[in-house]
């Protein structure tokens, strides 16, 4: 069977890759039980390093919206060149409060 594909970066998610489920509407903002997508952990970290829970709930509750965010677009271009199992720490402190 084929590996699942990360809807953010478009790379496959091999079984050994760090991965997690992302609630399209954050649980704290009413998304508990709502739609989730399987992402690479590095992609998930970048989403939460870029956007607040409120921004996610209000403006970024779809994969299409996430992919169109300027910083996430840049991240996707960068990570797309990495192997599917690639993971690194997400640099912290870049989210504007």
N, C-alpha and C. Protein backbone atom coordinates (compact mmCIF):
# COMPACT_ATOMS: atom_id res chain seq x y z
N UNK A 1 0.84 -1.20 0.00
CA UNK A 1 0.00 0.00 0.00
C UNK A 1 0.88 1.25 0.00
N UNK A 2 0.44 2.28 -0.69
CA UNK A 2 1.21 3.52 -0.76
C UNK A 2 1.15 4.26 0.56
N UNK A 3 2.23 4.97 0.86
CA UNK A 3 2.25 5.81 2.06
C UNK A 3 1.27 6.95 1.88
N UNK A 4 0.70 7.44 2.99
CA UNK A 4 -0.17 8.63 2.88
C UNK A 4 0.66 9.82 2.40
N UNK A 5 -0.02 10.81 1.84
CA UNK A 5 0.65 12.01 1.35
C UNK A 5 0.28 13.19 2.25
N UNK A 6 1.27 13.96 2.62
CA UNK A 6 1.05 15.14 3.45
C UNK A 6 0.33 16.21 2.61
N UNK A 7 -0.86 16.63 3.03
CA UNK A 7 -1.59 17.61 2.22
C UNK A 7 -0.94 19.00 2.23
N UNK A 8 -0.04 19.26 3.18
CA UNK A 8 0.61 20.56 3.19
C UNK A 8 1.74 20.61 2.17
N UNK A 9 2.71 19.67 2.28
CA UNK A 9 3.89 19.75 1.42
C UNK A 9 3.81 18.85 0.19
N UNK A 10 2.88 17.91 0.18
CA UNK A 10 2.73 17.04 -0.97
C UNK A 10 3.70 15.86 -1.02
N UNK A 11 4.58 15.73 0.00
CA UNK A 11 5.50 14.59 0.04
C UNK A 11 4.80 13.41 0.72
N UNK A 12 5.26 12.19 0.41
CA UNK A 12 4.70 11.02 1.07
C UNK A 12 5.15 11.02 2.54
N UNK A 13 4.37 10.32 3.37
CA UNK A 13 4.69 10.20 4.80
C UNK A 13 5.02 8.73 5.06
N UNK A 14 6.31 8.36 5.01
CA UNK A 14 6.66 6.97 5.27
C UNK A 14 6.40 6.61 6.73
N UNK A 15 6.22 5.31 7.03
CA UNK A 15 5.88 4.90 8.40
C UNK A 15 6.87 5.39 9.45
N UNK A 16 8.16 5.50 9.06
CA UNK A 16 9.18 5.90 10.05
C UNK A 16 9.23 7.41 10.26
N UNK A 17 8.53 8.18 9.43
CA UNK A 17 8.56 9.64 9.55
C UNK A 17 7.78 10.09 10.78
N UNK A 18 8.28 11.15 11.42
CA UNK A 18 7.50 11.76 12.50
C UNK A 18 6.27 12.39 11.86
N UNK A 19 5.10 12.10 12.45
CA UNK A 19 3.84 12.55 11.86
C UNK A 19 2.83 12.82 12.96
N UNK A 20 1.82 13.59 12.63
CA UNK A 20 0.76 13.86 13.61
C UNK A 20 -0.49 14.34 12.90
N UNK A 21 -1.59 14.32 13.64
CA UNK A 21 -2.86 14.78 13.11
C UNK A 21 -3.05 16.25 13.45
N UNK A 22 -3.48 17.01 12.47
CA UNK A 22 -3.76 18.44 12.67
C UNK A 22 -5.26 18.66 12.58
N UNK A 23 -5.82 19.28 13.62
CA UNK A 23 -7.24 19.67 13.59
C UNK A 23 -7.35 20.94 12.75
N UNK A 24 -8.12 20.89 11.68
CA UNK A 24 -8.24 22.07 10.82
C UNK A 24 -8.83 23.25 11.58
N UNK A 25 -9.77 22.98 12.49
CA UNK A 25 -10.22 23.99 13.45
C UNK A 25 -9.65 23.55 14.80
N UNK A 26 -8.82 24.39 15.43
CA UNK A 26 -8.19 23.97 16.69
C UNK A 26 -9.22 23.49 17.72
N UNK A 27 -8.82 22.47 18.48
CA UNK A 27 -9.73 21.91 19.49
C UNK A 27 -10.21 22.98 20.46
N UNK A 28 -9.31 23.88 20.82
CA UNK A 28 -9.67 24.95 21.77
C UNK A 28 -10.68 25.93 21.19
N UNK A 29 -10.83 25.92 19.86
CA UNK A 29 -11.74 26.85 19.18
C UNK A 29 -12.95 26.11 18.60
N UNK A 30 -13.30 24.97 19.20
CA UNK A 30 -14.50 24.26 18.78
C UNK A 30 -14.27 23.15 17.77
N UNK A 31 -13.02 22.82 17.50
CA UNK A 31 -12.73 21.82 16.48
C UNK A 31 -12.64 20.39 16.98
N UNK A 32 -12.88 20.17 18.26
CA UNK A 32 -12.84 18.81 18.80
C UNK A 32 -13.87 17.96 18.06
N UNK A 33 -13.43 16.86 17.50
CA UNK A 33 -14.34 16.02 16.73
C UNK A 33 -14.50 16.48 15.29
N UNK A 34 -13.85 17.59 14.94
CA UNK A 34 -13.92 18.11 13.58
C UNK A 34 -12.91 17.43 12.68
N UNK A 35 -12.79 17.92 11.43
CA UNK A 35 -11.89 17.26 10.48
C UNK A 35 -10.42 17.39 10.88
N UNK A 36 -9.68 16.31 10.65
CA UNK A 36 -8.24 16.29 10.91
C UNK A 36 -7.53 15.83 9.64
N UNK A 37 -6.27 16.24 9.50
CA UNK A 37 -5.43 15.79 8.39
C UNK A 37 -4.12 15.27 8.96
N UNK A 38 -3.59 14.21 8.34
CA UNK A 38 -2.31 13.66 8.74
C UNK A 38 -1.20 14.45 8.06
N UNK A 39 -0.27 14.97 8.87
CA UNK A 39 0.83 15.79 8.37
C UNK A 39 2.16 15.22 8.85
N UNK A 40 3.24 15.57 8.14
CA UNK A 40 4.57 15.39 8.71
C UNK A 40 4.62 16.24 9.98
N UNK A 41 5.34 15.77 10.99
CA UNK A 41 5.46 16.55 12.22
C UNK A 41 6.10 17.91 11.93
N UNK A 42 7.09 17.96 11.04
CA UNK A 42 7.75 19.24 10.74
C UNK A 42 6.75 20.22 10.11
N UNK A 43 5.83 19.72 9.28
CA UNK A 43 4.83 20.59 8.66
C UNK A 43 3.84 21.08 9.72
N UNK A 44 3.45 20.18 10.62
CA UNK A 44 2.52 20.54 11.70
C UNK A 44 3.16 21.60 12.60
N UNK A 45 4.44 21.38 12.95
CA UNK A 45 5.15 22.34 13.80
C UNK A 45 5.19 23.72 13.14
N UNK A 46 5.42 23.73 11.83
CA UNK A 46 5.52 25.01 11.12
C UNK A 46 4.19 25.75 11.13
N UNK A 47 3.10 25.02 10.96
CA UNK A 47 1.77 25.64 11.02
C UNK A 47 1.58 26.33 12.36
N UNK A 48 1.86 25.60 13.45
CA UNK A 48 1.63 26.17 14.78
C UNK A 48 2.70 27.18 15.18
N UNK A 49 3.85 27.14 14.51
CA UNK A 49 4.87 28.16 14.74
C UNK A 49 4.57 29.46 14.00
N UNK A 50 3.68 29.37 13.02
CA UNK A 50 3.35 30.51 12.17
C UNK A 50 2.07 31.20 12.60
N UNK A 51 1.07 30.41 12.97
CA UNK A 51 -0.28 30.95 13.19
C UNK A 51 -0.77 30.69 14.61
N UNK A 52 -1.53 31.63 15.13
CA UNK A 52 -2.14 31.44 16.44
C UNK A 52 -3.38 30.54 16.29
N UNK A 53 -3.87 30.03 17.41
CA UNK A 53 -5.08 29.21 17.37
C UNK A 53 -6.24 30.02 16.79
N UNK A 54 -6.33 31.29 17.17
CA UNK A 54 -7.42 32.15 16.68
C UNK A 54 -7.31 32.34 15.16
N UNK A 55 -6.09 32.58 14.66
CA UNK A 55 -5.91 32.73 13.20
C UNK A 55 -6.27 31.44 12.47
N UNK A 56 -5.86 30.31 13.04
CA UNK A 56 -6.18 29.03 12.42
C UNK A 56 -7.69 28.84 12.33
N UNK A 57 -8.39 29.12 13.42
CA UNK A 57 -9.85 28.93 13.45
C UNK A 57 -10.55 29.89 12.49
N UNK A 58 -10.07 31.13 12.47
CA UNK A 58 -10.77 32.18 11.71
C UNK A 58 -10.45 32.13 10.22
N UNK A 59 -9.17 32.00 9.87
CA UNK A 59 -8.76 32.21 8.48
C UNK A 59 -8.08 31.02 7.81
N UNK A 60 -7.68 30.01 8.58
CA UNK A 60 -6.85 28.94 8.01
C UNK A 60 -7.38 27.55 8.35
N UNK A 61 -8.68 27.37 8.22
CA UNK A 61 -9.31 26.09 8.59
C UNK A 61 -9.38 25.12 7.41
N UNK A 62 -8.67 25.43 6.31
CA UNK A 62 -8.58 24.49 5.19
C UNK A 62 -7.11 24.34 4.79
N UNK A 63 -6.81 23.21 4.19
CA UNK A 63 -5.44 22.98 3.71
C UNK A 63 -5.09 24.03 2.65
N UNK A 64 -6.06 24.38 1.80
CA UNK A 64 -5.81 25.37 0.74
C UNK A 64 -5.40 26.72 1.34
N UNK A 65 -6.10 27.13 2.39
CA UNK A 65 -5.77 28.40 3.05
C UNK A 65 -4.38 28.34 3.67
N UNK A 66 -4.06 27.22 4.32
CA UNK A 66 -2.73 27.06 4.92
C UNK A 66 -1.64 27.15 3.85
N UNK A 67 -1.85 26.46 2.74
CA UNK A 67 -0.85 26.44 1.66
C UNK A 67 -0.66 27.81 1.04
N UNK A 68 -1.66 28.68 1.14
CA UNK A 68 -1.58 30.01 0.54
C UNK A 68 -0.95 31.05 1.46
N UNK A 69 -0.72 30.70 2.74
CA UNK A 69 -0.11 31.66 3.68
C UNK A 69 1.33 31.91 3.22
N UNK A 70 1.75 33.18 3.13
CA UNK A 70 3.08 33.49 2.58
C UNK A 70 4.23 32.75 3.25
N UNK A 71 4.25 32.70 4.59
CA UNK A 71 5.37 32.02 5.25
C UNK A 71 5.30 30.51 5.03
N UNK A 72 4.08 29.97 5.05
CA UNK A 72 3.95 28.53 4.82
C UNK A 72 4.29 28.17 3.37
N UNK A 73 3.96 29.05 2.43
CA UNK A 73 4.35 28.83 1.03
C UNK A 73 5.86 28.70 0.92
N UNK A 74 6.57 29.59 1.59
CA UNK A 74 8.04 29.57 1.57
C UNK A 74 8.56 28.28 2.20
N UNK A 75 7.97 27.91 3.34
CA UNK A 75 8.36 26.67 4.03
C UNK A 75 8.13 25.45 3.12
N UNK A 76 6.98 25.41 2.44
CA UNK A 76 6.64 24.28 1.57
C UNK A 76 7.66 24.15 0.45
N UNK A 77 8.03 25.28 -0.16
CA UNK A 77 9.04 25.24 -1.23
C UNK A 77 10.35 24.66 -0.69
N UNK A 78 10.71 25.06 0.54
CA UNK A 78 11.96 24.59 1.15
C UNK A 78 11.88 23.11 1.48
N UNK A 79 10.83 22.69 2.16
CA UNK A 79 10.74 21.31 2.66
C UNK A 79 10.49 20.32 1.52
N UNK A 80 9.91 20.78 0.42
CA UNK A 80 9.64 19.89 -0.71
C UNK A 80 10.93 19.29 -1.28
N UNK A 81 12.06 19.95 -1.05
CA UNK A 81 13.34 19.46 -1.55
C UNK A 81 13.97 18.43 -0.61
N UNK A 82 13.36 18.21 0.54
CA UNK A 82 13.90 17.28 1.54
C UNK A 82 13.29 15.89 1.35
N UNK A 83 13.99 14.85 1.83
CA UNK A 83 13.41 13.50 1.71
C UNK A 83 12.14 13.37 2.57
N UNK A 84 11.25 12.43 2.24
CA UNK A 84 9.96 12.32 2.94
C UNK A 84 10.08 12.13 4.45
N UNK A 85 11.13 11.46 4.91
CA UNK A 85 11.28 11.23 6.35
C UNK A 85 12.01 12.33 7.09
N UNK A 86 12.38 13.40 6.38
CA UNK A 86 13.17 14.50 6.97
C UNK A 86 12.43 15.15 8.13
N UNK A 87 13.18 15.43 9.21
CA UNK A 87 12.63 16.18 10.32
C UNK A 87 13.74 17.04 10.92
N UNK A 88 13.38 18.23 11.34
CA UNK A 88 14.33 19.05 12.09
C UNK A 88 13.52 19.91 13.04
N UNK A 89 14.20 20.50 13.97
CA UNK A 89 13.52 21.39 14.90
C UNK A 89 12.99 22.61 14.15
N UNK A 90 11.82 23.07 14.53
CA UNK A 90 11.27 24.29 13.94
C UNK A 90 11.83 25.45 14.75
N UNK A 91 12.49 26.41 14.07
CA UNK A 91 13.00 27.56 14.83
C UNK A 91 11.86 28.27 15.54
N UNK A 92 12.06 28.56 16.80
CA UNK A 92 10.98 29.15 17.59
C UNK A 92 10.98 30.66 17.55
N UNK A 93 9.97 31.23 18.10
CA UNK A 93 9.92 32.66 18.33
C UNK A 93 9.64 33.51 17.11
N UNK A 94 9.11 32.93 16.03
CA UNK A 94 8.90 33.74 14.85
C UNK A 94 7.44 34.19 14.71
N UNK A 95 6.55 33.61 15.51
CA UNK A 95 5.14 33.98 15.41
C UNK A 95 4.92 35.36 16.02
N UNK A 96 4.24 36.21 15.29
CA UNK A 96 3.92 37.53 15.84
C UNK A 96 2.65 37.41 16.68
N UNK A 97 2.70 37.91 17.87
CA UNK A 97 1.54 37.80 18.78
C UNK A 97 0.61 38.96 18.56
